[in-house]
């Protein structure tokens, strides 16, 4: 059996160039990097310039297509019990599916956001909500969905 030389694979021409987009917030250090591969979506949301926690979100397979499918999330790297990271992954994949119903590729999400400090005199839920809304707007702007 011979191994094809790099670039000789017929699949390479069908999957490249890879769609990639980047957007930086004008009000904070928040950055979104979106890469669309043939087999999955990869979104990195970072305030530190690194991947941070890594999660996978997948559409659950059902015998009949539904407008609001169930989404399963799994922490691959980082704290598995951070519910907010699972909210980000679920929401992003559901938005992708809502705009592209035939797209069943899973989402790989890198998330490195600053944690709201509980000892500060701020409404943590309000700060988390504002960051979430900014992330979702940046995802829209960068063309994730």
C-alpha atoms as a PDB file:
ATOM      1  CA  UNK A   1       0.000   0.000   0.000  1.00  0.00           C
ATOM      2  CA  UNK A   2       1.395   3.375  -0.947  1.00  0.00           C
ATOM      3  CA  UNK A   3       0.819   6.524   1.041  1.00  0.00           C
ATOM      4  CA  UNK A   4      -0.071   9.561  -1.085  1.00  0.00           C
ATOM      5  CA  UNK A   5       2.312  12.484  -0.941  1.00  0.00           C
ATOM      6  CA  UNK A   6       1.213  15.583   0.922  1.00  0.00           C
ATOM      7  CA  UNK A   7      -1.225  17.483  -1.264  1.00  0.00           C
ATOM      8  CA  UNK A   8      -2.072  14.440  -3.419  1.00  0.00           C
ATOM      9  CA  UNK A   9      -5.173  13.559  -1.413  1.00  0.00           C
ATOM     10  CA  UNK A  10      -8.353  14.259  -3.413  1.00  0.00           C
ATOM     11  CA  UNK A  11     -10.167  15.361  -0.233  1.00  0.00           C
ATOM     12  CA  UNK A  12      -7.763  18.235   0.420  1.00  0.00           C
ATOM     13  CA  UNK A  13      -8.979  20.323  -2.502  1.00  0.00           C
ATOM     14  CA  UNK A  14     -12.585  19.951  -1.351  1.00  0.00           C
ATOM     15  CA  UNK A  15     -11.998  21.103   2.222  1.00  0.00           C
ATOM     16  CA  UNK A  16      -9.484  23.918   1.802  1.00  0.00           C
ATOM     17  CA  UNK A  17      -9.331  26.798   2.215  1.00  0.00           C
ATOM     18  CA  UNK A  18     -10.720  26.580   5.725  1.00  0.00           C
ATOM     19  CA  UNK A  19     -13.131  29.382   6.603  1.00  0.00           C
ATOM     20  CA  UNK A  20     -11.614  31.443   9.413  1.00  0.00           C
ATOM     21  CA  UNK A  21     -12.758  34.721  10.926  1.00  0.00           C
ATOM     22  CA  UNK A  22     -11.612  36.837  13.866  1.00  0.00           C
ATOM     23  CA  UNK A  23     -13.246  39.685  15.758  1.00  0.00           C
ATOM     24  CA  UNK A  24     -12.025  41.749  18.709  1.00  0.00           C
ATOM     25  CA  UNK A  25     -14.265  43.720  21.030  1.00  0.00           C
ATOM     26  CA  UNK A  26     -13.886  47.477  20.962  1.00  0.00           C
ATOM     27  CA  UNK A  27     -14.737  47.791  24.668  1.00  0.00           C
ATOM     28  CA  UNK A  28     -12.787  44.928  26.289  1.00  0.00           C
ATOM     29  CA  UNK A  29     -10.037  42.336  25.688  1.00  0.00           C
ATOM     30  CA  UNK A  30     -12.604  39.868  24.369  1.00  0.00           C
ATOM     31  CA  UNK A  31     -11.698  38.110  21.111  1.00  0.00           C
ATOM     32  CA  UNK A  32     -13.543  35.547  19.006  1.00  0.00           C
ATOM     33  CA  UNK A  33     -11.799  33.229  16.559  1.00  0.00           C
ATOM     34  CA  UNK A  34     -14.023  31.068  14.362  1.00  0.00           C
ATOM     35  CA  UNK A  35     -12.749  28.258  12.178  1.00  0.00           C
ATOM     36  CA  UNK A  36     -15.102  26.108  10.130  1.00  0.00           C
ATOM     37  CA  UNK A  37     -13.705  22.666   9.365  1.00  0.00           C
ATOM     38  CA  UNK A  38     -15.377  20.028   7.212  1.00  0.00           C
ATOM     39  CA  UNK A  39     -16.200  17.920  10.276  1.00  0.00           C
ATOM     40  CA  UNK A  40     -16.769  20.546  13.024  1.00  0.00           C
ATOM     41  CA  UNK A  41     -17.035  24.180  14.033  1.00  0.00           C
ATOM     42  CA  UNK A  42     -14.236  25.544  16.236  1.00  0.00           C
ATOM     43  CA  UNK A  43     -14.844  28.729  18.221  1.00  0.00           C
ATOM     44  CA  UNK A  44     -12.362  30.282  20.628  1.00  0.00           C
ATOM     45  CA  UNK A  45     -13.647  32.959  22.991  1.00  0.00           C
ATOM     46  CA  UNK A  46     -10.871  34.546  24.996  1.00  0.00           C
ATOM     47  CA  UNK A  47      -9.967  37.521  27.129  1.00  0.00           C
ATOM     48  CA  UNK A  48      -6.444  36.159  27.661  1.00  0.00           C
ATOM     49  CA  UNK A  49      -5.336  35.238  24.138  1.00  0.00           C
ATOM     50  CA  UNK A  50      -5.387  31.489  24.865  1.00  0.00           C
ATOM     51  CA  UNK A  51      -7.805  28.594  24.528  1.00  0.00           C
ATOM     52  CA  UNK A  52      -8.604  27.965  28.201  1.00  0.00           C
ATOM     53  CA  UNK A  53     -11.289  25.337  28.824  1.00  0.00           C
ATOM     54  CA  UNK A  54     -12.221  23.158  25.881  1.00  0.00           C
ATOM     55  CA  UNK A  55     -15.749  21.829  25.426  1.00  0.00           C
ATOM     56  CA  UNK A  56     -17.518  19.795  22.803  1.00  0.00           C
ATOM     57  CA  UNK A  57     -21.200  20.286  22.011  1.00  0.00           C
ATOM     58  CA  UNK A  58     -23.070  17.839  19.784  1.00  0.00           C
ATOM     59  CA  UNK A  59     -26.578  17.629  18.423  1.00  0.00           C
ATOM     60  CA  UNK A  60     -28.319  14.538  19.734  1.00  0.00           C
ATOM     61  CA  UNK A  61     -29.452  12.256  16.924  1.00  0.00           C
ATOM     62  CA  UNK A  62     -33.198  11.728  16.687  1.00  0.00           C
ATOM     63  CA  UNK A  63     -35.163   9.646  14.183  1.00  0.00           C
ATOM     64  CA  UNK A  64     -37.167  12.721  13.142  1.00  0.00           C
ATOM     65  CA  UNK A  65     -35.680  16.206  12.666  1.00  0.00           C
ATOM     66  CA  UNK A  66     -36.855  18.723  15.238  1.00  0.00           C
ATOM     67  CA  UNK A  67     -36.621  22.522  15.186  1.00  0.00           C
ATOM     68  CA  UNK A  68     -35.118  22.558  18.698  1.00  0.00           C
ATOM     69  CA  UNK A  69     -32.829  19.544  19.014  1.00  0.00           C
ATOM     70  CA  UNK A  70     -31.280  18.410  22.249  1.00  0.00           C
ATOM     71  CA  UNK A  71     -27.622  19.330  22.629  1.00  0.00           C
ATOM     72  CA  UNK A  72     -25.108  17.427  24.733  1.00  0.00           C
ATOM     73  CA  UNK A  73     -21.970  19.074  26.071  1.00  0.00           C
ATOM     74  CA  UNK A  74     -18.791  17.535  27.387  1.00  0.00           C
ATOM     75  CA  UNK A  75     -15.792  19.223  29.014  1.00  0.00           C
ATOM     76  CA  UNK A  76     -12.597  18.035  27.322  1.00  0.00           C
ATOM     77  CA  UNK A  77     -10.107  20.268  29.179  1.00  0.00           C
ATOM     78  CA  UNK A  78     -10.664  22.456  32.208  1.00  0.00           C
ATOM     79  CA  UNK A  79     -13.256  22.393  34.967  1.00  0.00           C
ATOM     80  CA  UNK A  80     -16.124  20.041  34.022  1.00  0.00           C
ATOM     81  CA  UNK A  81     -18.578  21.559  36.503  1.00  0.00           C
ATOM     82  CA  UNK A  82     -18.612  25.155  35.207  1.00  0.00           C
ATOM     83  CA  UNK A  83     -22.268  25.463  34.117  1.00  0.00           C
ATOM     84  CA  UNK A  84     -21.750  28.800  32.360  1.00  0.00           C
ATOM     85  CA  UNK A  85     -19.299  27.289  29.877  1.00  0.00           C
ATOM     86  CA  UNK A  86     -21.899  24.666  28.973  1.00  0.00           C
ATOM     87  CA  UNK A  87     -24.455  27.461  28.446  1.00  0.00           C
ATOM     88  CA  UNK A  88     -22.082  29.149  25.980  1.00  0.00           C
ATOM     89  CA  UNK A  89     -21.502  25.899  24.057  1.00  0.00           C
ATOM     90  CA  UNK A  90     -25.190  24.988  23.943  1.00  0.00           C
ATOM     91  CA  UNK A  91     -26.308  28.451  22.875  1.00  0.00           C
ATOM     92  CA  UNK A  92     -23.702  28.811  20.126  1.00  0.00           C
ATOM     93  CA  UNK A  93     -24.446  25.385  18.627  1.00  0.00           C
ATOM     94  CA  UNK A  94     -28.203  25.961  18.810  1.00  0.00           C
ATOM     95  CA  UNK A  95     -27.781  29.277  16.957  1.00  0.00           C
ATOM     96  CA  UNK A  96     -25.672  27.596  14.269  1.00  0.00           C
ATOM     97  CA  UNK A  97     -28.323  24.895  13.878  1.00  0.00           C
ATOM     98  CA  UNK A  98     -31.159  27.454  13.783  1.00  0.00           C
ATOM     99  CA  UNK A  99     -29.590  29.280  10.838  1.00  0.00           C
ATOM    100  CA  UNK A 100     -28.296  26.129   9.123  1.00  0.00           C
ATOM    101  CA  UNK A 101     -30.740  23.308   9.958  1.00  0.00           C
ATOM    102  CA  UNK A 102     -28.921  20.752   7.791  1.00  0.00           C
ATOM    103  CA  UNK A 103     -25.586  21.416   9.491  1.00  0.00           C
ATOM    104  CA  UNK A 104     -25.114  18.735  12.141  1.00  0.00           C
ATOM    105  CA  UNK A 105     -21.400  19.225  12.757  1.00  0.00           C
ATOM    106  CA  UNK A 106     -20.376  19.391  16.429  1.00  0.00           C
ATOM    107  CA  UNK A 107     -18.906  22.475  18.061  1.00  0.00           C
ATOM    108  CA  UNK A 108     -15.489  22.573  19.684  1.00  0.00           C
ATOM    109  CA  UNK A 109     -15.411  25.589  22.015  1.00  0.00           C
ATOM    110  CA  UNK A 110     -12.340  27.081  23.655  1.00  0.00           C
ATOM    111  CA  UNK A 111     -13.356  29.414  26.465  1.00  0.00           C
ATOM    112  CA  UNK A 112     -10.986  31.647  28.460  1.00  0.00           C
ATOM    113  CA  UNK A 113     -13.020  34.327  30.196  1.00  0.00           C
ATOM    114  CA  UNK A 114     -12.253  36.253  33.360  1.00  0.00           C
ATOM    115  CA  UNK A 115     -14.193  34.990  36.336  1.00  0.00           C
ATOM    116  CA  UNK A 116     -16.326  37.551  38.138  1.00  0.00           C
ATOM    117  CA  UNK A 117     -14.940  37.904  41.622  1.00  0.00           C
ATOM    118  CA  UNK A 118     -17.459  37.175  44.342  1.00  0.00           C
ATOM    119  CA  UNK A 119     -15.739  39.505  46.824  1.00  0.00           C
ATOM    120  CA  UNK A 120     -16.114  42.591  44.632  1.00  0.00           C
ATOM    121  CA  UNK A 121     -19.036  44.937  45.162  1.00  0.00           C
ATOM    122  CA  UNK A 122     -20.672  44.079  41.827  1.00  0.00           C
ATOM    123  CA  UNK A 123     -23.699  42.141  40.670  1.00  0.00           C
ATOM    124  CA  UNK A 124     -21.955  38.999  39.383  1.00  0.00           C
ATOM    125  CA  UNK A 125     -25.004  37.790  37.470  1.00  0.00           C
ATOM    126  CA  UNK A 126     -25.330  41.152  35.717  1.00  0.00           C
ATOM    127  CA  UNK A 127     -21.642  41.129  34.737  1.00  0.00           C
ATOM    128  CA  UNK A 128     -21.910  37.529  33.469  1.00  0.00           C
ATOM    129  CA  UNK A 129     -25.025  38.474  31.478  1.00  0.00           C
ATOM    130  CA  UNK A 130     -23.271  41.474  29.885  1.00  0.00           C
ATOM    131  CA  UNK A 131     -20.256  39.359  28.903  1.00  0.00           C
ATOM    132  CA  UNK A 132     -22.566  36.669  27.501  1.00  0.00           C
ATOM    133  CA  UNK A 133     -24.463  39.224  25.398  1.00  0.00           C
ATOM    134  CA  UNK A 134     -21.190  40.701  24.112  1.00  0.00           C
ATOM    135  CA  UNK A 135     -19.892  37.233  23.191  1.00  0.00           C
ATOM    136  CA  UNK A 136     -23.095  36.385  21.335  1.00  0.00           C
ATOM    137  CA  UNK A 137     -22.975  39.683  19.430  1.00  0.00           C
ATOM    138  CA  UNK A 138     -19.324  39.092  18.472  1.00  0.00           C
ATOM    139  CA  UNK A 139     -20.222  35.575  17.287  1.00  0.00           C
ATOM    140  CA  UNK A 140     -22.912  37.087  15.064  1.00  0.00           C
ATOM    141  CA  UNK A 141     -20.492  39.732  13.772  1.00  0.00           C
ATOM    142  CA  UNK A 142     -17.782  37.199  12.952  1.00  0.00           C
ATOM    143  CA  UNK A 143     -20.243  35.013  11.035  1.00  0.00           C
ATOM    144  CA  UNK A 144     -20.503  31.943  13.248  1.00  0.00           C
ATOM    145  CA  UNK A 145     -24.219  31.898  12.354  1.00  0.00           C
END
